[in-house]
Amino acid sequence: ERLAVETSHPSWLIARWINAFGVDETTAFARA
């Protein structure tokens, strides 16, 4: 939820990206 709010993405989308690509890749992607 913290990353979802920080980057303004739905939580479910952040969760599926973390599952597919890992936390670091998701964080960098969402911020970009």
All heavy atoms as atom14 arrays in JSON, in Angstrom:
{
  "sequence": "ERLAVETSHPSWLIARWINAFGVDETTAFARA",
  "atom14_mask": [
    [1, 1, 1, 1, 1, 1, 1, 1, 1, 0, 0, 0, 0, 0],
    [1, 1, 1, 1, 1, 1, 1, 1, 1, 1, 1, 0, 0, 0],
    [1, 1, 1, 1, 1, 1, 1, 1, 0, 0, 0, 0, 0, 0],
    [1, 1, 1, 1, 1, 0, 0, 0, 0, 0, 0, 0, 0, 0],
    [1, 1, 1, 1, 1, 1, 1, 0, 0, 0, 0, 0, 0, 0],
    [1, 1, 1, 1, 1, 1, 1, 1, 1, 0, 0, 0, 0, 0],
    [1, 1, 1, 1, 1, 1, 1, 0, 0, 0, 0, 0, 0, 0],
    [1, 1, 1, 1, 1, 1, 0, 0, 0, 0, 0, 0, 0, 0],
    [1, 1, 1, 1, 1, 1, 1, 1, 1, 1, 0, 0, 0, 0],
    [1, 1, 1, 1, 1, 1, 1, 0, 0, 0, 0, 0, 0, 0],
    [1, 1, 1, 1, 1, 1, 0, 0, 0, 0, 0, 0, 0, 0],
    [1, 1, 1, 1, 1, 1, 1, 1, 1, 1, 1, 1, 1, 1],
    [1, 1, 1, 1, 1, 1, 1, 1, 0, 0, 0, 0, 0, 0],
    [1, 1, 1, 1, 1, 1, 1, 1, 0, 0, 0, 0, 0, 0],
    [1, 1, 1, 1, 1, 0, 0, 0, 0, 0, 0, 0, 0, 0],
    [1, 1, 1, 1, 1, 1, 1, 1, 1, 1, 1, 0, 0, 0],
    [1, 1, 1, 1, 1, 1, 1, 1, 1, 1, 1, 1, 1, 1],
    [1, 1, 1, 1, 1, 1, 1, 1, 0, 0, 0, 0, 0, 0],
    [1, 1, 1, 1, 1, 1, 1, 1, 0, 0, 0, 0, 0, 0],
    [1, 1, 1, 1, 1, 0, 0, 0, 0, 0, 0, 0, 0, 0],
    [1, 1, 1, 1, 1, 1, 1, 1, 1, 1, 1, 0, 0, 0],
    [1, 1, 1, 1, 0, 0, 0, 0, 0, 0, 0, 0, 0, 0],
    [1, 1, 1, 1, 1, 1, 1, 0, 0, 0, 0, 0, 0, 0],
    [1, 1, 1, 1, 1, 1, 1, 1, 0, 0, 0, 0, 0, 0],
    [1, 1, 1, 1, 1, 1, 1, 1, 1, 0, 0, 0, 0, 0],
    [1, 1, 1, 1, 1, 1, 1, 0, 0, 0, 0, 0, 0, 0],
    [1, 1, 1, 1, 1, 1, 1, 0, 0, 0, 0, 0, 0, 0],
    [1, 1, 1, 1, 1, 0, 0, 0, 0, 0, 0, 0, 0, 0],
    [1, 1, 1, 1, 1, 1, 1, 1, 1, 1, 1, 0, 0, 0],
    [1, 1, 1, 1, 1, 0, 0, 0, 0, 0, 0, 0, 0, 0],
    [1, 1, 1, 1, 1, 1, 1, 1, 1, 1, 1, 0, 0, 0],
    [1, 1, 1, 1, 1, 0, 0, 0, 0, 0, 0, 0, 0, 0]
  ],
  "atom14_positions": [
    [[0.83, -1.2, 0.0], [0.0, 0.0, 0.0], [0.87, 1.25, 0.0], [0.55, 2.25, -0.67], [-0.92, 0.01, 1.22], [-1.86, 1.22, 1.24], [-2.71, 1.31, 2.5], [-2.6, 0.41, 3.36], [-3.47, 2.29, 2.61], [0.0, 0.0, 0.0], [0.0, 0.0, 0.0], [0.0, 0.0, 0.0], [0.0, 0.0, 0.0], [0.0, 0.0, 0.0]],
    [[1.97, 1.19, 0.71], [2.86, 2.36, 0.78], [3.42, 2.69, -0.6], [3.42, 3.86, -1.01], [4.0, 2.06, 1.77], [4.91, 3.26, 2.04], [6.01, 2.87, 3.03], [6.89, 3.98, 3.27], [6.7, 4.93, 4.19], [5.62, 4.88, 4.95], [7.56, 5.92, 4.34], [0.0, 0.0, 0.0], [0.0, 0.0, 0.0], [0.0, 0.0, 0.0]],
    [[3.89, 1.68, -1.32], [4.41, 1.92, -2.67], [3.29, 2.35, -3.61], [3.5, 3.18, -4.49], [5.1, 0.66, -3.19], [5.76, 0.77, -4.58], [6.81, 1.89, -4.6], [6.39, -0.56, -4.98], [0.0, 0.0, 0.0], [0.0, 0.0, 0.0], [0.0, 0.0, 0.0], [0.0, 0.0, 0.0], [0.0, 0.0, 0.0], [0.0, 0.0, 0.0]],
    [[2.09, 1.77, -3.41], [0.95, 2.14, -4.26], [0.62, 3.62, -4.11], [0.39, 4.33, -5.1], [-0.26, 1.28, -3.91], [0.0, 0.0, 0.0], [0.0, 0.0, 0.0], [0.0, 0.0, 0.0], [0.0, 0.0, 0.0], [0.0, 0.0, 0.0], [0.0, 0.0, 0.0], [0.0, 0.0, 0.0], [0.0, 0.0, 0.0], [0.0, 0.0, 0.0]],
    [[0.59, 4.11, -2.87], [0.27, 5.52, -2.64], [1.41, 6.41, -3.1], [1.19, 7.44, -3.76], [-0.06, 5.77, -1.16], [-0.24, 7.27, -0.9], [-1.33, 5.02, -0.75], [0.0, 0.0, 0.0], [0.0, 0.0, 0.0], [0.0, 0.0, 0.0], [0.0, 0.0, 0.0], [0.0, 0.0, 0.0], [0.0, 0.0, 0.0], [0.0, 0.0, 0.0]],
    [[2.63, 6.0, -2.79], [3.79, 6.8, -3.19], [3.81, 7.04, -4.7], [4.07, 8.15, -5.17], [5.09, 6.11, -2.78], [6.34, 6.86, -3.23], [7.57, 5.98, -3.35], [7.65, 4.95, -2.66], [8.45, 6.31, -4.18], [0.0, 0.0, 0.0], [0.0, 0.0, 0.0], [0.0, 0.0, 0.0], [0.0, 0.0, 0.0], [0.0, 0.0, 0.0]],
    [[3.53, 5.99, -5.47], [3.64, 6.07, -6.93], [2.28, 6.22, -7.61], [2.23, 6.28, -8.84], [4.33, 4.82, -7.48], [3.55, 3.66, -7.17], [5.73, 4.67, -6.88], [0.0, 0.0, 0.0], [0.0, 0.0, 0.0], [0.0, 0.0, 0.0], [0.0, 0.0, 0.0], [0.0, 0.0, 0.0], [0.0, 0.0, 0.0], [0.0, 0.0, 0.0]],
    [[1.2, 6.27, -6.82], [-0.16, 6.42, -7.37], [-0.5, 5.33, -8.38], [-0.78, 5.6, -9.56], [-0.33, 7.81, -8.0], [-0.49, 8.79, -7.01], [0.0, 0.0, 0.0], [0.0, 0.0, 0.0], [0.0, 0.0, 0.0], [0.0, 0.0, 0.0], [0.0, 0.0, 0.0], [0.0, 0.0, 0.0], [0.0, 0.0, 0.0], [0.0, 0.0, 0.0]],
    [[-0.46, 4.09, -7.92], [-0.92, 2.94, -8.69], [-1.88, 2.14, -7.8], [-1.75, 2.14, -6.58], [0.24, 2.02, -9.09], [1.16, 2.58, -10.11], [2.13, 3.51, -9.81], [1.28, 2.33, -11.45], [2.81, 3.8, -10.91], [2.31, 3.11, -11.91], [0.0, 0.0, 0.0], [0.0, 0.0, 0.0], [0.0, 0.0, 0.0], [0.0, 0.0, 0.0]],
    [[-2.83, 1.42, -8.39], [-3.68, 0.54, -7.59], [-2.85, -0.51, -6.87], [-1.88, -1.04, -7.43], [-4.6, -0.11, -8.63], [-4.56, 0.8, -9.81], [-3.2, 1.4, -9.82], [0.0, 0.0, 0.0], [0.0, 0.0, 0.0], [0.0, 0.0, 0.0], [0.0, 0.0, 0.0], [0.0, 0.0, 0.0], [0.0, 0.0, 0.0], [0.0, 0.0, 0.0]],
    [[-3.22, -0.84, -5.65], [-2.45, -1.8, -4.86], [-2.36, -3.16, -5.55], [-1.33, -3.83, -5.5], [-3.07, -1.96, -3.47], [-2.95, -0.77, -2.74], [0.0, 0.0, 0.0], [0.0, 0.0, 0.0], [0.0, 0.0, 0.0], [0.0, 0.0, 0.0], [0.0, 0.0, 0.0], [0.0, 0.0, 0.0], [0.0, 0.0, 0.0], [0.0, 0.0, 0.0]],
    [[-3.46, -3.59, -6.2], [-3.46, -4.91, -6.84], [-2.44, -4.97, -7.98], [-1.83, -6.02, -8.21], [-4.85, -5.28, -7.34], [-5.33, -4.51, -8.55], [-6.08, -3.37, -8.54], [-5.09, -4.83, -9.92], [-6.33, -2.95, -9.83], [-5.73, -3.83, -10.69], [-4.42, -5.86, -10.57], [-5.71, -3.83, -12.09], [-4.39, -5.87, -11.97], [-5.02, -4.87, -12.71]],
    [[-2.24, -3.83, -8.66], [-1.29, -3.8, -9.76], [0.14, -3.86, -9.23], [0.99, -4.58, -9.77], [-1.51, -2.54, -10.59], [-1.0, -2.51, -12.03], [-1.47, -3.72, -12.82], [-1.44, -1.22, -12.71], [0.0, 0.0, 0.0], [0.0, 0.0, 0.0], [0.0, 0.0, 0.0], [0.0, 0.0, 0.0], [0.0, 0.0, 0.0], [0.0, 0.0, 0.0]],
    [[0.4, -3.11, -8.16], [1.72, -3.17, -7.53], [2.02, -4.59, -7.04], [3.12, -5.12, -7.24], [1.8, -2.18, -6.35], [1.74, -0.73, -6.85], [3.05, -2.41, -5.52], [2.95, -0.29, -7.65], [0.0, 0.0, 0.0], [0.0, 0.0, 0.0], [0.0, 0.0, 0.0], [0.0, 0.0, 0.0], [0.0, 0.0, 0.0], [0.0, 0.0, 0.0]],
    [[1.03, -5.23, -6.44], [1.22, -6.59, -5.9], [1.55, -7.58, -7.01], [2.44, -8.43, -6.86], [-0.02, -7.03, -5.14], [0.0, 0.0, 0.0], [0.0, 0.0, 0.0], [0.0, 0.0, 0.0], [0.0, 0.0, 0.0], [0.0, 0.0, 0.0], [0.0, 0.0, 0.0], [0.0, 0.0, 0.0], [0.0, 0.0, 0.0], [0.0, 0.0, 0.0]],
    [[0.86, -7.51, -8.15], [1.12, -8.46, -9.23], [2.48, -8.2, -9.86], [3.16, -9.14, -10.27], [0.0, -8.46, -10.25], [-0.14, -7.22, -11.09], [-1.22, -7.37, -12.16], [-0.75, -8.21, -13.25], [-1.23, -9.41, -13.55], [-2.18, -9.93, -12.84], [-0.74, -10.09, -14.56], [0.0, 0.0, 0.0], [0.0, 0.0, 0.0], [0.0, 0.0, 0.0]],
    [[2.91, -6.93, -9.95], [4.23, -6.65, -10.5], [5.33, -7.16, -9.57], [6.34, -7.69, -10.05], [4.39, -5.15, -10.72], [3.59, -4.62, -11.87], [3.0, -5.34, -12.88], [3.26, -3.25, -12.12], [2.34, -4.51, -13.75], [2.47, -3.22, -13.31], [3.53, -2.05, -11.47], [1.99, -2.02, -13.85], [3.05, -0.87, -12.0], [2.28, -0.86, -13.19]],
    [[5.13, -7.01, -8.28], [6.12, -7.53, -7.33], [6.23, -9.04, -7.48], [7.33, -9.61, -7.46], [5.76, -7.14, -5.89], [5.98, -5.63, -5.68], [6.58, -7.94, -4.88], [5.52, -5.13, -4.33], [0.0, 0.0, 0.0], [0.0, 0.0, 0.0], [0.0, 0.0, 0.0], [0.0, 0.0, 0.0], [0.0, 0.0, 0.0], [0.0, 0.0, 0.0]],
    [[5.1, -9.71, -7.64], [5.09, -11.16, -7.81], [5.81, -11.57, -9.09], [6.49, -12.61, -9.14], [3.65, -11.67, -7.82], [3.57, -13.17, -7.92], [4.07, -13.89, -7.06], [2.94, -13.67, -8.97], [0.0, 0.0, 0.0], [0.0, 0.0, 0.0], [0.0, 0.0, 0.0], [0.0, 0.0, 0.0], [0.0, 0.0, 0.0], [0.0, 0.0, 0.0]],
    [[5.66, -10.77, -10.15], [6.25, -11.12, -11.44], [7.69, -10.67, -11.59], [8.52, -11.38, -12.18], [5.41, -10.51, -12.57], [0.0, 0.0, 0.0], [0.0, 0.0, 0.0], [0.0, 0.0, 0.0], [0.0, 0.0, 0.0], [0.0, 0.0, 0.0], [0.0, 0.0, 0.0], [0.0, 0.0, 0.0], [0.0, 0.0, 0.0], [0.0, 0.0, 0.0]],
    [[8.03, -9.5, -11.05], [9.34, -8.9, -11.33], [10.2, -8.62, -10.1], [11.38, -8.26, -10.25], [9.14, -7.58, -12.1], [8.24, -7.7, -13.3], [7.06, -6.98, -13.36], [8.56, -8.53, -14.35], [6.21, -7.08, -14.47], [7.73, -8.64, -15.45], [6.55, -7.92, -15.52], [0.0, 0.0, 0.0], [0.0, 0.0, 0.0], [0.0, 0.0, 0.0]],
    [[9.63, -8.75, -8.91], [10.38, -8.45, -7.7], [10.17, -7.02, -7.24], [9.69, -6.16, -7.98], [0.0, 0.0, 0.0], [0.0, 0.0, 0.0], [0.0, 0.0, 0.0], [0.0, 0.0, 0.0], [0.0, 0.0, 0.0], [0.0, 0.0, 0.0], [0.0, 0.0, 0.0], [0.0, 0.0, 0.0], [0.0, 0.0, 0.0], [0.0, 0.0, 0.0]],
    [[10.55, -6.76, -6.0], [10.31, -5.45, -5.39], [11.12, -4.35, -6.06], [10.59, -3.28, -6.36], [10.63, -5.5, -3.88], [10.54, -4.1, -3.27], [9.69, -6.44, -3.15], [0.0, 0.0, 0.0], [0.0, 0.0, 0.0], [0.0, 0.0, 0.0], [0.0, 0.0, 0.0], [0.0, 0.0, 0.0], [0.0, 0.0, 0.0], [0.0, 0.0, 0.0]],
    [[12.4, -4.59, -6.29], [13.26, -3.53, -6.84], [12.82, -3.11, -8.24], [12.74, -1.91, -8.53], [14.72, -4.0, -6.86], [15.31, -4.16, -5.47], [14.71, -3.61, -4.52], [16.35, -4.83, -5.33], [0.0, 0.0, 0.0], [0.0, 0.0, 0.0], [0.0, 0.0, 0.0], [0.0, 0.0, 0.0], [0.0, 0.0, 0.0], [0.0, 0.0, 0.0]],
    [[12.54, -4.1, -9.1], [12.11, -3.78, -10.46], [10.77, -3.04, -10.44], [10.58, -2.05, -11.17], [11.98, -5.06, -11.28], [11.83, -4.83, -12.77], [13.18, -4.73, -13.48], [13.72, -3.6, -13.56], [13.67, -5.76, -13.94], [0.0, 0.0, 0.0], [0.0, 0.0, 0.0], [0.0, 0.0, 0.0], [0.0, 0.0, 0.0], [0.0, 0.0, 0.0]],
    [[9.86, -3.51, -9.61], [8.55, -2.87, -9.52], [8.66, -1.44, -9.03], [8.01, -0.53, -9.56], [7.63, -3.68, -8.59], [7.41, -4.97, -9.14], [6.29, -2.98, -8.38], [0.0, 0.0, 0.0], [0.0, 0.0, 0.0], [0.0, 0.0, 0.0], [0.0, 0.0, 0.0], [0.0, 0.0, 0.0], [0.0, 0.0, 0.0], [0.0, 0.0, 0.0]],
    [[9.48, -1.23, -8.01], [9.65, 0.13, -7.47], [10.2, 1.07, -8.52], [9.69, 2.19, -8.71], [10.57, 0.1, -6.25], [10.02, -0.76, -5.24], [10.76, 1.49, -5.67], [0.0, 0.0, 0.0], [0.0, 0.0, 0.0], [0.0, 0.0, 0.0], [0.0, 0.0, 0.0], [0.0, 0.0, 0.0], [0.0, 0.0, 0.0], [0.0, 0.0, 0.0]],
    [[11.23, 0.62, -9.22], [11.84, 1.47, -10.26], [10.85, 1.74, -11.39], [10.76, 2.86, -11.9], [13.1, 0.8, -10.79], [0.0, 0.0, 0.0], [0.0, 0.0, 0.0], [0.0, 0.0, 0.0], [0.0, 0.0, 0.0], [0.0, 0.0, 0.0], [0.0, 0.0, 0.0], [0.0, 0.0, 0.0], [0.0, 0.0, 0.0], [0.0, 0.0, 0.0]],
    [[10.12, 0.71, -11.79], [9.15, 0.85, -12.88], [8.02, 1.79, -12.48], [7.65, 2.71, -13.23], [8.61, -0.53, -13.24], [7.49, -0.53, -14.24], [7.6, 0.16, -15.45], [6.31, -1.23, -14.0], [6.57, 0.15, -16.38], [5.28, -1.25, -14.93], [5.41, -0.55, -16.11], [0.0, 0.0, 0.0], [0.0, 0.0, 0.0], [0.0, 0.0, 0.0]],
    [[7.45, 1.59, -11.3], [6.32, 2.41, -10.86], [6.73, 3.87, -10.72], [5.97, 4.78, -11.08], [5.77, 1.88, -9.53], [0.0, 0.0, 0.0], [0.0, 0.0, 0.0], [0.0, 0.0, 0.0], [0.0, 0.0, 0.0], [0.0, 0.0, 0.0], [0.0, 0.0, 0.0], [0.0, 0.0, 0.0], [0.0, 0.0, 0.0], [0.0, 0.0, 0.0]],
    [[7.92, 4.12, -10.21], [8.38, 5.5, -10.09], [8.61, 6.12, -11.46], [8.29, 7.29, -11.69], [9.67, 5.55, -9.26], [9.43, 5.29, -7.77], [10.72, 5.2, -6.99], [10.47, 5.03, -5.54], [11.39, 4.71, -4.66], [12.66, 4.5, -5.05], [11.08, 4.6, -3.38], [0.0, 0.0, 0.0], [0.0, 0.0, 0.0], [0.0, 0.0, 0.0]],
    [[9.15, 5.34, -12.38], [9.38, 5.85, -13.74], [8.08, 6.21, -14.44], [8.04, 7.1, -15.29], [10.16, 4.83, -14.56], [0.0, 0.0, 0.0], [0.0, 0.0, 0.0], [0.0, 0.0, 0.0], [0.0, 0.0, 0.0], [0.0, 0.0, 0.0], [0.0, 0.0, 0.0], [0.0, 0.0, 0.0], [0.0, 0.0, 0.0], [0.0, 0.0, 0.0]]
  ]
}
